[in-house]
C-alpha atoms as a PDB file:
ATOM      1  CA  MET A   1      -7.037  -9.636  13.170  1.00  0.00           C
ATOM      2  CA  LYS A   2      -8.314  -9.972   9.609  1.00  0.00           C
ATOM      3  CA  VAL A   3      -9.647  -6.408   9.687  1.00  0.00           C
ATOM      4  CA  LEU A   4      -6.247  -5.190  10.828  1.00  0.00           C
ATOM      5  CA  ARG A   5      -4.586  -7.146   8.066  1.00  0.00           C
ATOM      6  CA  ASN A   6      -6.896  -5.641   5.450  1.00  0.00           C
ATOM      7  CA  PHE A   7      -6.268  -2.192   6.823  1.00  0.00           C
ATOM      8  CA  ILE A   8      -2.520  -2.594   6.444  1.00  0.00           C
ATOM      9  CA  LEU A   9      -2.896  -3.636   2.848  1.00  0.00           C
ATOM     10  CA  VAL A  10      -4.730  -0.465   2.092  1.00  0.00           C
ATOM     11  CA  ALA A  11      -1.977   1.518   3.771  1.00  0.00           C
ATOM     12  CA  ALA A  12       0.556  -0.080   1.485  1.00  0.00           C
ATOM     13  CA  LEU A  13      -1.648   0.786  -1.429  1.00  0.00           C
ATOM     14  CA  PHE A  14      -1.916   4.333  -0.171  1.00  0.00           C
ATOM     15  CA  PHE A  15       1.860   4.691  -0.103  1.00  0.00           C
ATOM     16  CA  THR A  16       2.081   3.229  -3.546  1.00  0.00           C
ATOM     17  CA  LEU A  17      -0.732   5.339  -4.949  1.00  0.00           C
ATOM     18  CA  SER A  18       0.629   8.493  -3.334  1.00  0.00           C
ATOM     19  CA  TRP A  19       4.026   7.868  -4.871  1.00  0.00           C
ATOM     20  CA  THR A  20       2.500   7.155  -8.280  1.00  0.00           C
ATOM     21  CA  THR A  21       0.341  10.267  -8.083  1.00  0.00           C
ATOM     22  CA  CYS A  22       3.306  12.463  -7.188  1.00  0.00           C
ATOM     23  CA  ARG A  23       5.367  10.924  -9.959  1.00  0.00           C
ATOM     24  CA  ALA A  24       2.578  11.390 -12.496  1.00  0.00           C
ATOM     25  CA  GLN A  25       2.003  14.987 -11.440  1.00  0.00           C
ATOM     26  CA  GLN A  26       5.697  15.759 -11.771  1.00  0.00           C
ATOM     27  CA  ALA A  27       5.698  14.327 -15.283  1.00  0.00           C
ATOM     28  CA  ASN A  28       2.592  16.285 -16.305  1.00  0.00           C
ATOM     29  CA  PRO A  29       1.690  18.842 -13.623  1.00  0.00           C
ATOM     30  CA  GLN A  30      -1.344  20.204 -15.496  1.00  0.00           C
ATOM     31  CA  LYS A  31      -3.255  16.945 -15.825  1.00  0.00           C
ATOM     32  CA  GLU A  32      -4.765  15.404 -12.711  1.00  0.00           C
ATOM     33  CA  LEU A  33      -5.072  11.638 -12.998  1.00  0.00           C
ATOM     34  CA  SER A  34      -8.246   9.737 -12.199  1.00  0.00           C
ATOM     35  CA  PHE A  35      -8.221   6.982  -9.612  1.00  0.00           C
ATOM     36  CA  GLU A  36      -8.320   4.350 -12.363  1.00  0.00           C
ATOM     37  CA  GLU A  37      -5.396   5.993 -14.160  1.00  0.00           C
ATOM     38  CA  ILE A  38      -3.361   6.057 -10.958  1.00  0.00           C
ATOM     39  CA  ILE A  39      -3.937   2.351 -10.398  1.00  0.00           C
ATOM     40  CA  ALA A  40      -3.149   1.564 -14.038  1.00  0.00           C
ATOM     41  CA  LYS A  41       0.144   3.494 -13.734  1.00  0.00           C
ATOM     42  CA  GLN A  42       0.970   1.666 -10.503  1.00  0.00           C
ATOM     43  CA  VAL A  43       0.297  -1.723 -12.076  1.00  0.00           C
ATOM     44  CA  GLU A  44       2.339  -0.788 -15.149  1.00  0.00           C
ATOM     45  CA  ASP A  45       5.228   0.339 -12.967  1.00  0.00           C
ATOM     46  CA  MET A  46       5.181  -2.881 -10.931  1.00  0.00           C
ATOM     47  CA  VAL A  47       4.901  -5.028 -14.080  1.00  0.00           C
ATOM     48  CA  ASP A  48       8.022  -3.334 -15.445  1.00  0.00           C
ATOM     49  CA  ARG A  49       9.949  -3.282 -12.178  1.00  0.00           C
ATOM     50  CA  TYR A  50       9.262  -6.873 -11.120  1.00  0.00           C
ATOM     51  CA  LYS A  51       8.733  -8.456 -14.561  1.00  0.00           C
ATOM     52  CA  LEU A  52       5.191  -9.625 -13.830  1.00  0.00           C
ATOM     53  CA  ASP A  53       3.356 -11.775 -16.356  1.00  0.00           C
ATOM     54  CA  ASP A  54      -0.144 -10.958 -17.640  1.00  0.00           C
ATOM     55  CA  TYR A  55      -1.908 -13.078 -15.035  1.00  0.00           C
ATOM     56  CA  GLN A  56       0.061 -11.458 -12.207  1.00  0.00           C
ATOM     57  CA  ALA A  57      -0.721  -8.022 -13.636  1.00  0.00           C
ATOM     58  CA  PHE A  58      -4.420  -8.917 -13.733  1.00  0.00           C
ATOM     59  CA  LYS A  59      -4.362 -10.116 -10.115  1.00  0.00           C
ATOM     60  CA  LEU A  60      -2.497  -6.992  -9.011  1.00  0.00           C
ATOM     61  CA  ASP A  61      -4.902  -4.697 -10.856  1.00  0.00           C
ATOM     62  CA  THR A  62      -7.908  -6.514  -9.377  1.00  0.00           C
ATOM     63  CA  LEU A  63      -6.419  -6.264  -5.897  1.00  0.00           C
ATOM     64  CA  LEU A  64      -5.763  -2.543  -6.180  1.00  0.00           C
ATOM     65  CA  GLN A  65      -9.107  -1.750  -7.822  1.00  0.00           C
ATOM     66  CA  HIS A  66     -10.957  -3.533  -5.025  1.00  0.00           C
ATOM     67  CA  PHE A  67      -9.065  -2.471  -1.903  1.00  0.00           C
ATOM     68  CA  ALA A  68      -7.839   1.044  -2.708  1.00  0.00           C
ATOM     69  CA  PRO A  69     -11.335   2.569  -2.364  1.00  0.00           C
ATOM     70  CA  ILE A  70     -11.768   0.804   0.988  1.00  0.00           C
ATOM     71  CA  TYR A  71      -8.488   2.217   2.229  1.00  0.00           C
ATOM     72  CA  ASN A  72      -9.365   5.703   0.979  1.00  0.00           C
ATOM     73  CA  ALA A  73     -12.748   5.518   2.713  1.00  0.00           C
ATOM     74  CA  GLU A  74     -11.105   4.492   5.983  1.00  0.00           C
ATOM     75  CA  MET A  75      -8.648   7.373   5.787  1.00  0.00           C
ATOM     76  CA  LYS A  76     -11.515   9.767   5.015  1.00  0.00           C
ATOM     77  CA  ARG A  77     -13.504   8.475   8.010  1.00  0.00           C
ATOM     78  CA  ALA A  78     -10.496   9.034  10.258  1.00  0.00           C
ATOM     79  CA  LYS A  79     -10.071  12.552   8.938  1.00  0.00           C
ATOM     80  CA  ASP A  80     -13.800  13.335   9.176  1.00  0.00           C
ATOM     81  CA  SER A  81     -13.947  11.991  12.736  1.00  0.00           C
ATOM     82  CA  GLY A  82     -11.428  14.608  13.753  1.00  0.00           C
ATOM     83  CA  ALA A  83      -8.385  12.381  14.078  1.00  0.00           C
ATOM     84  CA  ALA A  84      -5.621  14.924  14.221  1.00  0.00           C
ATOM     85  CA  GLN A  85      -2.743  12.800  15.423  1.00  0.00           C
ATOM     86  CA  SER A  86      -0.385  11.539  12.779  1.00  0.00           C
ATOM     87  CA  THR A  87      -0.187   8.272  14.722  1.00  0.00           C
ATOM     88  CA  SER A  88      -3.842   7.592  13.873  1.00  0.00           C
ATOM     89  CA  PHE A  89      -3.157   7.914  10.186  1.00  0.00           C
ATOM     90  CA  GLN A  90       0.151   6.069  10.517  1.00  0.00           C
ATOM     91  CA  SER A  91      -1.535   3.061  12.093  1.00  0.00           C
ATOM     92  CA  ILE A  92      -4.145   2.987   9.331  1.00  0.00           C
ATOM     93  CA  THR A  93      -1.475   3.255   6.696  1.00  0.00           C
ATOM     94  CA  ASP A  94       0.695   0.600   8.343  1.00  0.00           C
ATOM     95  CA  LYS A  95      -2.185  -1.834   8.545  1.00  0.00           C
ATOM     96  CA  TRP A  96      -3.048  -1.460   4.880  1.00  0.00           C
ATOM     97  CA  ALA A  97       0.582  -1.520   3.763  1.00  0.00           C
ATOM     98  CA  ASP A  98       1.066  -4.803   5.587  1.00  0.00           C
ATOM     99  CA  PHE A  99      -2.070  -6.195   3.979  1.00  0.00           C
ATOM    100  CA  PHE A 100      -0.858  -5.224   0.508  1.00  0.00           C
ATOM    101  CA  ASP A 101       2.576  -6.694   1.163  1.00  0.00           C
ATOM    102  CA  ASP A 102       0.974  -9.990   2.157  1.00  0.00           C
ATOM    103  CA  GLU A 103      -1.088  -9.969  -1.029  1.00  0.00           C
ATOM    104  CA  TYR A 104       1.886  -8.989  -3.199  1.00  0.00           C
ATOM    105  CA  GLN A 105       3.834 -11.896  -1.769  1.00  0.00           C
ATOM    106  CA  LYS A 106       1.027 -14.245  -2.867  1.00  0.00           C
ATOM    107  CA  ILE A 107       1.090 -12.812  -6.399  1.00  0.00           C
ATOM    108  CA  PHE A 108       4.857 -12.564  -6.879  1.00  0.00           C
ATOM    109  CA  THR A 109       7.258 -15.399  -7.496  1.00  0.00           C
ATOM    110  CA  GLU A 110       9.988 -15.889  -4.898  1.00  0.00           C
ATOM    111  CA  GLU A 111      12.480 -14.032  -7.107  1.00  0.00           C
ATOM    112  CA  GLN A 112      10.073 -11.129  -7.641  1.00  0.00           C
ATOM    113  CA  TRP A 113       9.308 -10.959  -3.922  1.00  0.00           C
ATOM    114  CA  ASN A 114      13.010 -10.848  -3.079  1.00  0.00           C
ATOM    115  CA  ARG A 115      13.483  -8.026  -5.597  1.00  0.00           C
ATOM    116  CA  TYR A 116      10.544  -6.213  -3.966  1.00  0.00           C
ATOM    117  CA  LEU A 117      12.125  -6.606  -0.526  1.00  0.00           C
ATOM    118  CA  LYS A 118      15.374  -5.102  -1.819  1.00  0.00           C
ATOM    119  CA  SER A 119      13.549  -2.023  -3.126  1.00  0.00           C
ATOM    120  CA  SER A 120      12.482   1.052  -1.180  1.00  0.00           C
ATOM    121  CA  ALA A 121       9.172  -0.749  -0.545  1.00  0.00           C
ATOM    122  CA  GLY A 122      11.103  -3.455   1.269  1.00  0.00           C
ATOM    123  CA  ARG A 123      12.898  -0.897   3.412  1.00  0.00           C
ATOM    124  CA  GLU A 124       9.550   0.669   4.290  1.00  0.00           C
ATOM    125  CA  LYS A 125       8.222  -2.788   5.144  1.00  0.00           C
ATOM    126  CA  LYS A 126      11.075  -3.327   7.620  1.00  0.00           C
ATOM    127  CA  LYS A 127      10.387   0.024   9.294  1.00  0.00           C
ATOM    128  CA  ARG A 128       6.670  -0.715   9.414  1.00  0.00           C
ATOM    129  CA  ASP A 129       7.262  -4.185  10.865  1.00  0.00           C
ATOM    130  CA  LYS A 130       9.339  -2.633  13.666  1.00  0.00           C
ATOM    131  CA  ARG A 131       6.624  -0.057  14.423  1.00  0.00           C
ATOM    132  CA  MET A 132       3.936  -2.729  14.478  1.00  0.00           C
ATOM    133  CA  ALA A 133       5.994  -5.010  16.723  1.00  0.00           C
ATOM    134  CA  ALA A 134       6.554  -2.122  19.140  1.00  0.00           C
ATOM    135  CA  LEU A 135       2.815  -1.419  19.222  1.00  0.00           C
ATOM    136  CA  LYS A 136       2.072  -5.078  19.949  1.00  0.00           C
ATOM    137  CA  GLU A 137       4.555  -5.021  22.817  1.00  0.00           C
ATOM    138  CA  GLU A 138       2.967  -1.857  24.231  1.00  0.00           C
ATOM    139  CA  SER A 139      -0.492  -3.429  23.987  1.00  0.00           C
ATOM    140  CA  ALA A 140       0.680  -6.612  25.661  1.00  0.00           C
ATOM    141  CA  GLU A 141       2.180  -4.647  28.565  1.00  0.00           C
ATOM    142  CA  GLU A 142      -1.098  -2.818  29.222  1.00  0.00           C
END
């Protein structure tokens, strides 16, 4: 269960990092950002969007620096193992996204968390929660 939870967190990070990478590339298409720069941009964006204090920013940066490489490695293993179905990658991403959401909730204040839930990330969380609940039901029926 804990492994699944960690996996979901990485998925959330992946979505976040992918979005940040795309946004950064659109702003400056000739410069490819390093992993550290992508995380720094993501932290900066979340600090601005959710009005995080310095300690929260530090915790968020530490979280992303630690778990993003783990998520990336898991996605690479899935790809290298020949996983061709999008559902394989979706389940990995969902697991990590859920993990990150749980960690964000621990870092954010209640007001910040509510603002997060009202954002596009919150809408994605609702969709992901429905997918995960459906998978649990399917597993329970088998």
